[in-house]
Each structure stands twice: as C-alpha cells, then as structure tokens.
C-alpha cells in the first residue's frame, strides 16, 4: 500500500491550500471501508491527528482547525482531501494521510512521504 500526499507548498498567512492523498495498492472496496485521516508533524514531535473522515462520511477535527479545514474523500479515486483555509504559521508542518486503525493512535498502513506546508506571516 502506498500513500501519496501532495498539494503542499509555501503560502502566506490567511491563504489556502488543498491537499490530496491517493491510496494505491488496495481495492476500492477496502478503501471505502477505511476511516481515513490527515495527520501533521513538526520537527521533534510526533504525528498529530488533524482531521478524520469515516467510511460513512462522518468527519471530526482537531480543535485548532475546526472551521478552517475540511476533509473529504472520493471513493471512486481512492483519494482523500484536506481543504485548508485561513492558514496560520502554526499550521506549518509535514502533512500525512493514513487509515485510522481499530485502536486510538494506530494506523493501518506504513506512512508515505507526506507533503510540506509552510505558512509565513
């Protein structure tokens, strides 16, 4: 299984980015059954959950991104998205996607390379 995140970049405070993550190596049926999520990591820290979307489309967000970020998925394309608006310097991180594991804090697949998001003021 490969997780290919893209769409990151350098953006000014208040700007927007849309991240994409294509999951390859699994069938559409398996992808549809996965609860997917976006995570982010800053240097010296672990990966933190940013936003999640269940197989049924229910979403949840980390408090600091509520109202600014929107997670969505395209099951036909094995892809999950993260629309990020009103970006702040503290959103600067490497962003990754993965399938949420059965237990909290666990994920189903090996991590991909992630995509760097840098927000400057």
C-alpha atoms as a PDB file:
ATOM      1  CA  UNK A   1       0.000   0.000   0.000  1.00  0.00           C
ATOM      2  CA  UNK A   2       1.274   3.450  -0.886  1.00  0.00           C
ATOM      3  CA  UNK A   3       0.041   6.768   0.438  1.00  0.00           C
ATOM      4  CA  UNK A   4       0.973   9.647  -1.860  1.00  0.00           C
ATOM      5  CA  UNK A   5       0.239  13.053  -0.386  1.00  0.00           C
ATOM      6  CA  UNK A   6       0.566  16.196  -2.494  1.00  0.00           C
ATOM      7  CA  UNK A   7      -0.561  19.795  -2.678  1.00  0.00           C
ATOM      8  CA  UNK A   8       1.610  21.336  -0.019  1.00  0.00           C
ATOM      9  CA  UNK A   9       3.641  24.468  -0.506  1.00  0.00           C
ATOM     10  CA  UNK A  10       4.551  27.899   0.726  1.00  0.00           C
ATOM     11  CA  UNK A  11       1.594  30.135   1.491  1.00  0.00           C
ATOM     12  CA  UNK A  12       1.025  33.436   3.210  1.00  0.00           C
ATOM     13  CA  UNK A  13      -0.899  33.824   6.465  1.00  0.00           C
ATOM     14  CA  UNK A  14      -4.617  33.663   5.686  1.00  0.00           C
ATOM     15  CA  UNK A  15      -4.120  31.748   2.477  1.00  0.00           C
ATOM     16  CA  UNK A  16      -5.458  28.396   1.352  1.00  0.00           C
ATOM     17  CA  UNK A  17      -4.175  25.064   0.169  1.00  0.00           C
ATOM     18  CA  UNK A  18      -5.831  21.835  -0.879  1.00  0.00           C
ATOM     19  CA  UNK A  19      -4.014  18.627  -0.066  1.00  0.00           C
ATOM     20  CA  UNK A  20      -4.655  15.335  -1.818  1.00  0.00           C
ATOM     21  CA  UNK A  21      -3.710  11.826  -0.829  1.00  0.00           C
ATOM     22  CA  UNK A  22      -4.014   8.914  -3.226  1.00  0.00           C
ATOM     23  CA  UNK A  23      -4.041   5.469  -1.686  1.00  0.00           C
ATOM     24  CA  UNK A  24      -2.790   2.801  -4.067  1.00  0.00           C
ATOM     25  CA  UNK A  25      -2.290  -0.930  -3.669  1.00  0.00           C
ATOM     26  CA  UNK A  26      -5.718  -1.605  -2.203  1.00  0.00           C
ATOM     27  CA  UNK A  27      -9.066  -2.193  -3.821  1.00  0.00           C
ATOM     28  CA  UNK A  28     -11.801   0.373  -3.877  1.00  0.00           C
ATOM     29  CA  UNK A  29     -13.838  -1.850  -1.585  1.00  0.00           C
ATOM     30  CA  UNK A  30     -11.126  -1.798   1.047  1.00  0.00           C
ATOM     31  CA  UNK A  31     -10.575   1.939   0.667  1.00  0.00           C
ATOM     32  CA  UNK A  32     -14.281   2.586   1.125  1.00  0.00           C
ATOM     33  CA  UNK A  33     -14.213   0.610   4.351  1.00  0.00           C
ATOM     34  CA  UNK A  34     -11.305   2.589   5.799  1.00  0.00           C
ATOM     35  CA  UNK A  35     -11.759   5.507   8.142  1.00  0.00           C
ATOM     36  CA  UNK A  36      -9.250   7.964   6.723  1.00  0.00           C
ATOM     37  CA  UNK A  37      -7.444  10.837   8.374  1.00  0.00           C
ATOM     38  CA  UNK A  38      -4.905  13.566   7.930  1.00  0.00           C
ATOM     39  CA  UNK A  39      -2.057  13.984  10.378  1.00  0.00           C
ATOM     40  CA  UNK A  40       0.712  16.525  10.719  1.00  0.00           C
ATOM     41  CA  UNK A  41       4.161  16.520  12.199  1.00  0.00           C
ATOM     42  CA  UNK A  42       6.576  19.259  13.168  1.00  0.00           C
ATOM     43  CA  UNK A  43      10.289  18.703  13.837  1.00  0.00           C
ATOM     44  CA  UNK A  44      10.931  16.890  17.080  1.00  0.00           C
ATOM     45  CA  UNK A  45       7.302  15.954  17.618  1.00  0.00           C
ATOM     46  CA  UNK A  46       5.098  13.018  16.801  1.00  0.00           C
ATOM     47  CA  UNK A  47       2.317  12.964  14.273  1.00  0.00           C
ATOM     48  CA  UNK A  48      -0.910  14.528  15.476  1.00  0.00           C
ATOM     49  CA  UNK A  49      -4.361  13.886  14.132  1.00  0.00           C
ATOM     50  CA  UNK A  50      -5.750  16.883  12.260  1.00  0.00           C
ATOM     51  CA  UNK A  51      -8.960  15.632  10.682  1.00  0.00           C
ATOM     52  CA  UNK A  52     -10.733  12.355  10.096  1.00  0.00           C
ATOM     53  CA  UNK A  53     -13.491  11.050   7.879  1.00  0.00           C
ATOM     54  CA  UNK A  54     -15.217   7.765   8.490  1.00  0.00           C
ATOM     55  CA  UNK A  55     -16.218   5.250   5.877  1.00  0.00           C
ATOM     56  CA  UNK A  56     -19.709   6.666   6.182  1.00  0.00           C
ATOM     57  CA  UNK A  57     -18.578  10.249   5.716  1.00  0.00           C
ATOM     58  CA  UNK A  58     -18.683  11.466   9.310  1.00  0.00           C
ATOM     59  CA  UNK A  59     -15.941  13.998   9.964  1.00  0.00           C
ATOM     60  CA  UNK A  60     -14.052  15.116  13.053  1.00  0.00           C
ATOM     61  CA  UNK A  61     -11.409  17.780  13.557  1.00  0.00           C
ATOM     62  CA  UNK A  62      -8.732  18.787  15.976  1.00  0.00           C
ATOM     63  CA  UNK A  63      -9.918  21.883  17.827  1.00  0.00           C
ATOM     64  CA  UNK A  64      -7.391  24.306  16.334  1.00  0.00           C
ATOM     65  CA  UNK A  65      -8.513  23.606  12.760  1.00  0.00           C
ATOM     66  CA  UNK A  66     -12.281  23.486  13.245  1.00  0.00           C
ATOM     67  CA  UNK A  67     -13.999  25.907  10.914  1.00  0.00           C
ATOM     68  CA  UNK A  68     -10.866  26.327   8.794  1.00  0.00           C
ATOM     69  CA  UNK A  69     -10.104  22.832   7.454  1.00  0.00           C
ATOM     70  CA  UNK A  70     -12.423  20.462   5.617  1.00  0.00           C
ATOM     71  CA  UNK A  71     -11.711  16.799   4.991  1.00  0.00           C
ATOM     72  CA  UNK A  72     -13.421  14.912   2.195  1.00  0.00           C
ATOM     73  CA  UNK A  73     -12.974  11.725   0.208  1.00  0.00           C
ATOM     74  CA  UNK A  74     -13.528  10.413  -3.285  1.00  0.00           C
ATOM     75  CA  UNK A  75     -14.030   6.684  -3.008  1.00  0.00           C
ATOM     76  CA  UNK A  76     -14.029   6.234  -6.765  1.00  0.00           C
ATOM     77  CA  UNK A  77     -10.485   7.582  -6.859  1.00  0.00           C
ATOM     78  CA  UNK A  78      -9.129   6.146  -3.600  1.00  0.00           C
ATOM     79  CA  UNK A  79      -8.354   9.718  -2.608  1.00  0.00           C
ATOM     80  CA  UNK A  80      -8.798  11.822   0.494  1.00  0.00           C
ATOM     81  CA  UNK A  81      -8.562  15.611   0.511  1.00  0.00           C
ATOM     82  CA  UNK A  82      -7.895  18.341   3.023  1.00  0.00           C
ATOM     83  CA  UNK A  83      -9.036  21.847   2.177  1.00  0.00           C
ATOM     84  CA  UNK A  84      -7.166  24.267   4.388  1.00  0.00           C
ATOM     85  CA  UNK A  85      -8.335  27.865   4.640  1.00  0.00           C
ATOM     86  CA  UNK A  86      -7.300  30.787   6.818  1.00  0.00           C
ATOM     87  CA  UNK A  87      -3.906  29.229   7.283  1.00  0.00           C
ATOM     88  CA  UNK A  88      -1.731  30.291  10.204  1.00  0.00           C
ATOM     89  CA  UNK A  89       2.006  29.939  10.804  1.00  0.00           C
ATOM     90  CA  UNK A  90       1.262  27.310  13.450  1.00  0.00           C
ATOM     91  CA  UNK A  91      -0.204  25.104  10.709  1.00  0.00           C
ATOM     92  CA  UNK A  92       3.297  24.723   9.307  1.00  0.00           C
ATOM     93  CA  UNK A  93       4.113  21.012   9.291  1.00  0.00           C
ATOM     94  CA  UNK A  94       4.502  17.951   7.133  1.00  0.00           C
ATOM     95  CA  UNK A  95       1.057  16.550   6.431  1.00  0.00           C
ATOM     96  CA  UNK A  96       0.335  12.855   6.005  1.00  0.00           C
ATOM     97  CA  UNK A  97      -2.737  10.776   5.396  1.00  0.00           C
ATOM     98  CA  UNK A  98      -3.448   7.275   6.623  1.00  0.00           C
ATOM     99  CA  UNK A  99      -6.265   4.949   7.531  1.00  0.00           C
ATOM    100  CA  UNK A 100      -7.181   5.039  11.176  1.00  0.00           C
ATOM    101  CA  UNK A 101      -6.556   1.800  12.988  1.00  0.00           C
ATOM    102  CA  UNK A 102      -9.002  -0.084  15.122  1.00  0.00           C
ATOM    103  CA  UNK A 103      -7.489   1.389  18.272  1.00  0.00           C
ATOM    104  CA  UNK A 104      -6.850   5.046  19.030  1.00  0.00           C
ATOM    105  CA  UNK A 105      -3.430   6.194  17.906  1.00  0.00           C
ATOM    106  CA  UNK A 106      -2.937   3.354  15.494  1.00  0.00           C
ATOM    107  CA  UNK A 107      -2.951   3.466  11.716  1.00  0.00           C
ATOM    108  CA  UNK A 108      -3.413   0.745   9.162  1.00  0.00           C
ATOM    109  CA  UNK A 109      -0.625   1.405   6.701  1.00  0.00           C
ATOM    110  CA  UNK A 110       3.008   2.427   6.569  1.00  0.00           C
ATOM    111  CA  UNK A 111       3.460   6.162   6.311  1.00  0.00           C
ATOM    112  CA  UNK A 112       4.111   7.827   2.995  1.00  0.00           C
ATOM    113  CA  UNK A 113       6.437  10.783   2.475  1.00  0.00           C
ATOM    114  CA  UNK A 114       3.940  13.462   3.360  1.00  0.00           C
ATOM    115  CA  UNK A 115       3.685  16.943   1.932  1.00  0.00           C
ATOM    116  CA  UNK A 116       5.240  20.054   3.447  1.00  0.00           C
ATOM    117  CA  UNK A 117       3.038  23.020   4.288  1.00  0.00           C
ATOM    118  CA  UNK A 118       4.772  26.238   5.249  1.00  0.00           C
ATOM    119  CA  UNK A 119       2.772  29.304   6.280  1.00  0.00           C
ATOM    120  CA  UNK A 120       4.589  32.621   6.607  1.00  0.00           C
ATOM    121  CA  UNK A 121       3.323  35.827   8.146  1.00  0.00           C
END
